[in-house]
Amino acid sequence: MRYLIYGAIILFTLYMGRGYIKGLILTYYEKKNKEKNVRKVSKDLIYVPVVSSRTFEFAIEITEVGDGKATLAVVKVKG
């Protein structure tokens, strides 16, 4: 009977901590797979700031790659 109570406590603890355990597993896999895919960006899309007090508008371009992945690009709006 004692082992049944211990097992129930362990199962309850694992069930309540499942979000924390998932976070630990995801963090481990992200650290293990530090592969960063950076593609070359056109020189027209790169903005180099100068010393001034002007404000600029930027746009975010999101492109779906597939398999639940997407690429994100931040560009200056021309016009």
PDB file of N, CA and C in Angstrom:
ATOM      1  N   MET A   1       0.821  -1.196   0.000  1.00  0.00           N
ATOM      2  CA  MET A   1       0.000   0.000   0.000  1.00  0.00           C
ATOM      3  C   MET A   1       0.868   1.264   0.000  1.00  0.00           C
ATOM      4  N   ARG A   2       1.977   1.174   0.707  1.00  0.00           N
ATOM      5  CA  ARG A   2       2.866   2.323   0.795  1.00  0.00           C
ATOM      6  C   ARG A   2       3.415   2.689  -0.590  1.00  0.00           C
ATOM      7  N   TYR A   3       3.779   1.680  -1.406  1.00  0.00           N
ATOM      8  CA  TYR A   3       4.322   1.945  -2.740  1.00  0.00           C
ATOM      9  C   TYR A   3       3.266   2.533  -3.677  1.00  0.00           C
ATOM     10  N   LEU A   4       2.027   2.158  -3.474  1.00  0.00           N
ATOM     11  CA  LEU A   4       0.934   2.717  -4.270  1.00  0.00           C
ATOM     12  C   LEU A   4       0.780   4.214  -3.980  1.00  0.00           C
ATOM     13  N   ILE A   5       0.894   4.600  -2.735  1.00  0.00           N
ATOM     14  CA  ILE A   5       0.803   6.018  -2.370  1.00  0.00           C
ATOM     15  C   ILE A   5       1.996   6.783  -2.930  1.00  0.00           C
ATOM     16  N   TYR A   6       3.209   6.204  -2.808  1.00  0.00           N
ATOM     17  CA  TYR A   6       4.405   6.850  -3.374  1.00  0.00           C
ATOM     18  C   TYR A   6       4.267   7.028  -4.882  1.00  0.00           C
ATOM     19  N   GLY A   7       3.766   6.002  -5.556  1.00  0.00           N
ATOM     20  CA  GLY A   7       3.576   6.072  -7.006  1.00  0.00           C
ATOM     21  C   GLY A   7       2.565   7.134  -7.383  1.00  0.00           C
ATOM     22  N   ALA A   8       1.478   7.241  -6.615  1.00  0.00           N
ATOM     23  CA  ALA A   8       0.461   8.252  -6.892  1.00  0.00           C
ATOM     24  C   ALA A   8       1.029   9.651  -6.706  1.00  0.00           C
ATOM     25  N   ILE A   9       1.850   9.845  -5.667  1.00  0.00           N
ATOM     26  CA  ILE A   9       2.465  11.154  -5.439  1.00  0.00           C
ATOM     27  C   ILE A   9       3.412  11.509  -6.578  1.00  0.00           C
ATOM     28  N   ILE A  10       4.206  10.547  -7.027  1.00  0.00           N
ATOM     29  CA  ILE A  10       5.142  10.796  -8.131  1.00  0.00           C
ATOM     30  C   ILE A  10       4.391  11.104  -9.422  1.00  0.00           C
ATOM     31  N   LEU A  11       3.344  10.341  -9.719  1.00  0.00           N
ATOM     32  CA  LEU A  11       2.553  10.597 -10.928  1.00  0.00           C
ATOM     33  C   LEU A  11       1.875  11.957 -10.874  1.00  0.00           C
ATOM     34  N   PHE A  12       1.345  12.335  -9.710  1.00  0.00           N
ATOM     35  CA  PHE A  12       0.705  13.639  -9.551  1.00  0.00           C
ATOM     36  C   PHE A  12       1.716  14.768  -9.753  1.00  0.00           C
ATOM     37  N   THR A  13       2.910  14.601  -9.190  1.00  0.00           N
ATOM     38  CA  THR A  13       3.959  15.617  -9.335  1.00  0.00           C
ATOM     39  C   THR A  13       4.381  15.755 -10.793  1.00  0.00           C
ATOM     40  N   LEU A  14       4.558  14.643 -11.483  1.00  0.00           N
ATOM     41  CA  LEU A  14       4.923  14.698 -12.904  1.00  0.00           C
ATOM     42  C   LEU A  14       3.809  15.327 -13.734  1.00  0.00           C
ATOM     43  N   TYR A  15       2.546  15.014 -13.402  1.00  0.00           N
ATOM     44  CA  TYR A  15       1.427  15.576 -14.145  1.00  0.00           C
ATOM     45  C   TYR A  15       1.333  17.087 -13.949  1.00  0.00           C
ATOM     46  N   MET A  16       1.496  17.549 -12.733  1.00  0.00           N
ATOM     47  CA  MET A  16       1.399  18.982 -12.461  1.00  0.00           C
ATOM     48  C   MET A  16       2.615  19.750 -12.998  1.00  0.00           C
ATOM     49  N   GLY A  17       3.755  19.103 -13.118  1.00  0.00           N
ATOM     50  CA  GLY A  17       4.954  19.770 -13.599  1.00  0.00           C
ATOM     51  C   GLY A  17       5.250  19.515 -15.058  1.00  0.00           C
ATOM     52  N   ARG A  18       4.264  19.041 -15.815  1.00  0.00           N
ATOM     53  CA  ARG A  18       4.512  18.687 -17.216  1.00  0.00           C
ATOM     54  C   ARG A  18       4.916  19.887 -18.068  1.00  0.00           C
ATOM     55  N   GLY A  19       4.393  21.076 -17.787  1.00  0.00           N
ATOM     56  CA  GLY A  19       4.787  22.269 -18.547  1.00  0.00           C
ATOM     57  C   GLY A  19       6.242  22.618 -18.303  1.00  0.00           C
ATOM     58  N   TYR A  20       6.663  22.514 -17.059  1.00  0.00           N
ATOM     59  CA  TYR A  20       8.063  22.788 -16.712  1.00  0.00           C
ATOM     60  C   TYR A  20       8.989  21.757 -17.354  1.00  0.00           C
ATOM     61  N   ILE A  21       8.575  20.497 -17.342  1.00  0.00           N
ATOM     62  CA  ILE A  21       9.389  19.436 -17.937  1.00  0.00           C
ATOM     63  C   ILE A  21       9.483  19.630 -19.450  1.00  0.00           C
ATOM     64  N   LYS A  22       8.386  20.003 -20.100  1.00  0.00           N
ATOM     65  CA  LYS A  22       8.419  20.273 -21.546  1.00  0.00           C
ATOM     66  C   LYS A  22       9.369  21.427 -21.852  1.00  0.00           C
ATOM     67  N   GLY A  23       9.340  22.467 -21.017  1.00  0.00           N
ATOM     68  CA  GLY A  23      10.242  23.599 -21.207  1.00  0.00           C
ATOM     69  C   GLY A  23      11.693  23.184 -21.091  1.00  0.00           C
ATOM     70  N   LEU A  24      12.006  22.324 -20.119  1.00  0.00           N
ATOM     71  CA  LEU A  24      13.379  21.838 -19.974  1.00  0.00           C
ATOM     72  C   LEU A  24      13.820  21.040 -21.193  1.00  0.00           C
ATOM     73  N   ILE A  25      12.928  20.190 -21.703  1.00  0.00           N
ATOM     74  CA  ILE A  25      13.261  19.380 -22.875  1.00  0.00           C
ATOM     75  C   ILE A  25      13.466  20.272 -24.092  1.00  0.00           C
ATOM     76  N   LEU A  26      12.578  21.262 -24.306  1.00  0.00           N
ATOM     77  CA  LEU A  26      12.722  22.161 -25.446  1.00  0.00           C
ATOM     78  C   LEU A  26      14.001  22.987 -25.350  1.00  0.00           C
ATOM     79  N   THR A  27      14.337  23.450 -24.151  1.00  0.00           N
ATOM     80  CA  THR A  27      15.569  24.212 -23.965  1.00  0.00           C
ATOM     81  C   THR A  27      16.776  23.354 -24.289  1.00  0.00           C
ATOM     82  N   TYR A  28      16.747  22.093 -23.877  1.00  0.00           N
ATOM     83  CA  TYR A  28      17.851  21.180 -24.169  1.00  0.00           C
ATOM     84  C   TYR A  28      18.009  20.994 -25.675  1.00  0.00           C
ATOM     85  N   TYR A  29      16.906  20.752 -26.391  1.00  0.00           N
ATOM     86  CA  TYR A  29      16.994  20.545 -27.833  1.00  0.00           C
ATOM     87  C   TYR A  29      17.429  21.815 -28.564  1.00  0.00           C
ATOM     88  N   GLU A  30      16.989  22.995 -28.094  1.00  0.00           N
ATOM     89  CA  GLU A  30      17.401  24.244 -28.727  1.00  0.00           C
ATOM     90  C   GLU A  30      18.894  24.489 -28.540  1.00  0.00           C
ATOM     91  N   LYS A  31      19.417  24.178 -27.367  1.00  0.00           N
ATOM     92  CA  LYS A  31      20.847  24.342 -27.125  1.00  0.00           C
ATOM     93  C   LYS A  31      21.657  23.327 -27.926  1.00  0.00           C
ATOM     94  N   LYS A  32      21.121  22.122 -28.073  1.00  0.00           N
ATOM     95  CA  LYS A  32      21.815  21.073 -28.806  1.00  0.00           C
ATOM     96  C   LYS A  32      21.876  21.396 -30.303  1.00  0.00           C
ATOM     97  N   ASN A  33      20.807  21.956 -30.830  1.00  0.00           N
ATOM     98  CA  ASN A  33      20.719  22.263 -32.266  1.00  0.00           C
ATOM     99  C   ASN A  33      20.870  23.766 -32.467  1.00  0.00           C
ATOM    100  N   LYS A  34      22.067  24.284 -32.261  1.00  0.00           N
ATOM    101  CA  LYS A  34      22.299  25.723 -32.403  1.00  0.00           C
ATOM    102  C   LYS A  34      22.566  26.093 -33.857  1.00  0.00           C
ATOM    103  N   GLU A  35      21.873  25.486 -34.757  1.00  0.00           N
ATOM    104  CA  GLU A  35      22.047  25.752 -36.177  1.00  0.00           C
ATOM    105  C   GLU A  35      21.267  26.998 -36.552  1.00  0.00           C
ATOM    106  N   LYS A  36      21.970  28.007 -37.007  1.00  0.00           N
ATOM    107  CA  LYS A  36      21.319  29.255 -37.371  1.00  0.00           C
ATOM    108  C   LYS A  36      21.412  29.424 -38.892  1.00  0.00           C
ATOM    109  N   ASN A  37      20.275  29.471 -39.528  1.00  0.00           N
ATOM    110  CA  ASN A  37      20.224  29.654 -40.977  1.00  0.00           C
ATOM    111  C   ASN A  37      19.978  31.131 -41.267  1.00  0.00           C
ATOM    112  N   VAL A  38      21.034  31.828 -41.639  1.00  0.00           N
ATOM    113  CA  VAL A  38      20.923  33.240 -41.963  1.00  0.00           C
ATOM    114  C   VAL A  38      21.192  33.386 -43.448  1.00  0.00           C
ATOM    115  N   ARG A  39      20.243  33.987 -44.152  1.00  0.00           N
ATOM    116  CA  ARG A  39      20.441  34.155 -45.587  1.00  0.00           C
ATOM    117  C   ARG A  39      20.915  35.575 -45.874  1.00  0.00           C
ATOM    118  N   LYS A  40      21.547  35.737 -47.003  1.00  0.00           N
ATOM    119  CA  LYS A  40      22.050  37.043 -47.413  1.00  0.00           C
ATOM    120  C   LYS A  40      20.874  37.963 -47.733  1.00  0.00           C
ATOM    121  N   VAL A  41      21.004  39.216 -47.325  1.00  0.00           N
ATOM    122  CA  VAL A  41      19.953  40.206 -47.539  1.00  0.00           C
ATOM    123  C   VAL A  41      20.452  41.221 -48.548  1.00  0.00           C
ATOM    124  N   SER A  42      19.554  41.677 -49.402  1.00  0.00           N
ATOM    125  CA  SER A  42      19.904  42.667 -50.411  1.00  0.00           C
ATOM    126  C   SER A  42      20.382  43.955 -49.743  1.00  0.00           C
ATOM    127  N   LYS A  43      21.359  44.617 -50.341  1.00  0.00           N
ATOM    128  CA  LYS A  43      21.895  45.870 -49.794  1.00  0.00           C
ATOM    129  C   LYS A  43      20.813  46.951 -49.717  1.00  0.00           C
ATOM    130  N   ASP A  44      19.788  46.872 -50.576  1.00  0.00           N
ATOM    131  CA  ASP A  44      18.713  47.862 -50.564  1.00  0.00           C
ATOM    132  C   ASP A  44      17.853  47.754 -49.300  1.00  0.00           C
ATOM    133  N   LEU A  45      17.837  46.585 -48.675  1.00  0.00           N
ATOM    134  CA  LEU A  45      16.998  46.379 -47.498  1.00  0.00           C
ATOM    135  C   LEU A  45      17.713  46.745 -46.196  1.00  0.00           C
ATOM    136  N   ILE A  46      19.014  46.968 -46.267  1.00  0.00           N
ATOM    137  CA  ILE A  46      19.776  47.275 -45.058  1.00  0.00           C
ATOM    138  C   ILE A  46      19.778  48.780 -44.836  1.00  0.00           C
ATOM    139  N   TYR A  47      19.416  49.180 -43.640  1.00  0.00           N
ATOM    140  CA  TYR A  47      19.394  50.597 -43.280  1.00  0.00           C
ATOM    141  C   TYR A  47      20.506  50.863 -42.281  1.00  0.00           C
ATOM    142  N   VAL A  48      21.345  51.817 -42.585  1.00  0.00           N
ATOM    143  CA  VAL A  48      22.415  52.221 -41.683  1.00  0.00           C
ATOM    144  C   VAL A  48      22.026  53.575 -41.093  1.00  0.00           C
ATOM    145  N   PRO A  49      21.787  53.639 -39.790  1.00  0.00           N
ATOM    146  CA  PRO A  49      21.353  54.901 -39.191  1.00  0.00           C
ATOM    147  C   PRO A  49      22.489  55.916 -39.130  1.00  0.00           C
ATOM    148  N   VAL A  50      22.121  57.171 -39.209  1.00  0.00           N
ATOM    149  CA  VAL A  50      23.074  58.267 -39.054  1.00  0.00           C
ATOM    150  C   VAL A  50      22.683  59.039 -37.808  1.00  0.00           C
ATOM    151  N   VAL A  51      23.555  59.888 -37.340  1.00  0.00           N
ATOM    152  CA  VAL A  51      23.254  60.663 -36.139  1.00  0.00           C
ATOM    153  C   VAL A  51      22.220  61.724 -36.498  1.00  0.00           C
ATOM    154  N   SER A  52      20.979  61.488 -36.089  1.00  0.00           N
ATOM    155  CA  SER A  52      19.899  62.438 -36.350  1.00  0.00           C
ATOM    156  C   SER A  52      18.736  62.094 -35.440  1.00  0.00           C
ATOM    157  N   SER A  53      17.722  62.943 -35.462  1.00  0.00           N
ATOM    158  CA  SER A  53      16.541  62.693 -34.641  1.00  0.00           C
ATOM    159  C   SER A  53      15.348  62.312 -35.499  1.00  0.00           C
ATOM    160  N   ARG A  54      15.595  61.853 -36.725  1.00  0.00           N
ATOM    161  CA  ARG A  54      14.496  61.474 -37.611  1.00  0.00           C
ATOM    162  C   ARG A  54      13.899  60.143 -37.179  1.00  0.00           C
ATOM    163  N   THR A  55      12.643  59.939 -37.534  1.00  0.00           N
ATOM    164  CA  THR A  55      11.989  58.661 -37.253  1.00  0.00           C
ATOM    165  C   THR A  55      11.725  57.953 -38.577  1.00  0.00           C
ATOM    166  N   PHE A  56      11.661  56.645 -38.520  1.00  0.00           N
ATOM    167  CA  PHE A  56      11.469  55.840 -39.716  1.00  0.00           C
ATOM    168  C   PHE A  56      10.402  54.794 -39.458  1.00  0.00           C
ATOM    169  N   GLU A  57       9.757  54.368 -40.545  1.00  0.00           N
ATOM    170  CA  GLU A  57       8.792  53.280 -40.468  1.00  0.00           C
ATOM    171  C   GLU A  57       9.462  52.020 -40.995  1.00  0.00           C
ATOM    172  N   PHE A  58       9.240  50.935 -40.280  1.00  0.00           N
ATOM    173  CA  PHE A  58       9.791  49.653 -40.690  1.00  0.00           C
ATOM    174  C   PHE A  58       8.649  48.670 -40.879  1.00  0.00           C
ATOM    175  N   ALA A  59       8.863  47.702 -41.751  1.00  0.00           N
ATOM    176  CA  ALA A  59       7.871  46.661 -42.000  1.00  0.00           C
ATOM    177  C   ALA A  59       8.497  45.311 -41.670  1.00  0.00           C
ATOM    178  N   ILE A  60       7.659  44.382 -41.268  1.00  0.00           N
ATOM    179  CA  ILE A  60       8.105  43.020 -40.976  1.00  0.00           C
ATOM    180  C   ILE A  60       7.567  42.113 -42.076  1.00  0.00           C
ATOM    181  N   GLU A  61       8.456  41.383 -42.695  1.00  0.00           N
ATOM    182  CA  GLU A  61       8.073  40.456 -43.764  1.00  0.00           C
ATOM    183  C   GLU A  61       8.233  39.040 -43.223  1.00  0.00           C
ATOM    184  N   ILE A  62       7.142  38.283 -43.168  1.00  0.00           N
ATOM    185  CA  ILE A  62       7.171  36.912 -42.665  1.00  0.00           C
ATOM    186  C   ILE A  62       6.886  35.978 -43.827  1.00  0.00           C
ATOM    187  N   THR A  63       7.792  35.025 -44.061  1.00  0.00           N
ATOM    188  CA  THR A  63       7.652  34.071 -45.146  1.00  0.00           C
ATOM    189  C   THR A  63       7.602  32.673 -44.561  1.00  0.00           C
ATOM    190  N   GLU A  64       6.553  31.920 -44.901  1.00  0.00           N
ATOM    191  CA  GLU A  64       6.458  30.546 -44.414  1.00  0.00           C
ATOM    192  C   GLU A  64       7.415  29.664 -45.194  1.00  0.00           C
ATOM    193  N   VAL A  65       8.169  28.858 -44.466  1.00  0.00           N
ATOM    194  CA  VAL A  65       9.125  27.943 -45.085  1.00  0.00           C
ATOM    195  C   VAL A  65       8.523  26.555 -45.180  1.00  0.00           C
ATOM    196  N   GLY A  66       7.715  26.186 -44.217  1.00  0.00           N
ATOM    197  CA  GLY A  66       7.121  24.858 -44.165  1.00  0.00           C
ATOM    198  C   GLY A  66       7.534  24.163 -42.888  1.00  0.00           C
ATOM    199  N   ASP A  67       6.874  23.081 -42.566  1.00  0.00           N
ATOM    200  CA  ASP A  67       7.147  22.312 -41.344  1.00  0.00           C
ATOM    201  C   ASP A  67       7.029  23.181 -40.100  1.00  0.00           C
ATOM    202  N   GLY A  68       6.123  24.144 -40.099  1.00  0.00           N
ATOM    203  CA  GLY A  68       5.921  25.003 -38.942  1.00  0.00           C
ATOM    204  C   GLY A  68       6.991  26.058 -38.751  1.00  0.00           C
ATOM    205  N   LYS A  69       7.800  26.309 -39.773  1.00  0.00           N
ATOM    206  CA  LYS A  69       8.877  27.293 -39.669  1.00  0.00           C
ATOM    207  C   LYS A  69       8.584  28.480 -40.573  1.00  0.00           C
ATOM    208  N   ALA A  70       9.128  29.632 -40.193  1.00  0.00           N
ATOM    209  CA  ALA A  70       8.948  30.845 -40.978  1.00  0.00           C
ATOM    210  C   ALA A  70      10.208  31.685 -40.868  1.00  0.00           C
ATOM    211  N   THR A  71      10.445  32.529 -41.880  1.00  0.00           N
ATOM    212  CA  THR A  71      11.558  33.467 -41.822  1.00  0.00           C
ATOM    213  C   THR A  71      10.990  34.851 -41.570  1.00  0.00           C
ATOM    214  N   LEU A  72      11.748  35.656 -40.874  1.00  0.00           N
ATOM    215  CA  LEU A  72      11.307  36.995 -40.485  1.00  0.00           C
ATOM    216  C   LEU A  72      12.338  37.989 -40.978  1.00  0.00           C
ATOM    217  N   ALA A  73      11.880  39.047 -41.674  1.00  0.00           N
ATOM    218  CA  ALA A  73      12.775  40.089 -42.157  1.00  0.00           C
ATOM    219  C   ALA A  73      12.183  41.447 -41.781  1.00  0.00           C
ATOM    220  N   VAL A  74      13.022  42.311 -41.248  1.00  0.00           N
ATOM    221  CA  VAL A  74      12.608  43.669 -40.899  1.00  0.00           C
ATOM    222  C   VAL A  74      13.203  44.595 -41.933  1.00  0.00           C
ATOM    223  N   VAL A  75      12.371  45.375 -42.636  1.00  0.00           N
ATOM    224  CA  VAL A  75      12.825  46.235 -43.727  1.00  0.00           C
ATOM    225  C   VAL A  75      12.287  47.639 -43.530  1.00  0.00           C
ATOM    226  N   LYS A  76      12.995  48.620 -44.067  1.00  0.00           N
ATOM    227  CA  LYS A  76      12.554  49.995 -44.017  1.00  0.00           C
ATOM    228  C   LYS A  76      11.555  50.228 -45.138  1.00  0.00           C
ATOM    229  N   VAL A  77      10.479  50.895 -44.832  1.00  0.00           N
ATOM    230  CA  VAL A  77       9.451  51.186 -45.827  1.00  0.00           C
ATOM    231  C   VAL A  77       9.956  52.339 -46.693  1.00  0.00           C
ATOM    232  N   LYS A  78       9.965  52.119 -48.010  1.00  0.00           N
ATOM    233  CA  LYS A  78      10.393  53.183 -48.931  1.00  0.00           C
ATOM    234  C   LYS A  78       9.165  53.922 -49.411  1.00  0.00           C
ATOM    235  N   GLY A  79       9.313  55.227 -49.540  1.00  0.00           N
ATOM    236  CA  GLY A  79       8.186  55.962 -50.098  1.00  0.00           C
ATOM    237  C   GLY A  79       7.895  57.218 -49.454  1.00  0.00           C
TER     238      GLY A  79
END
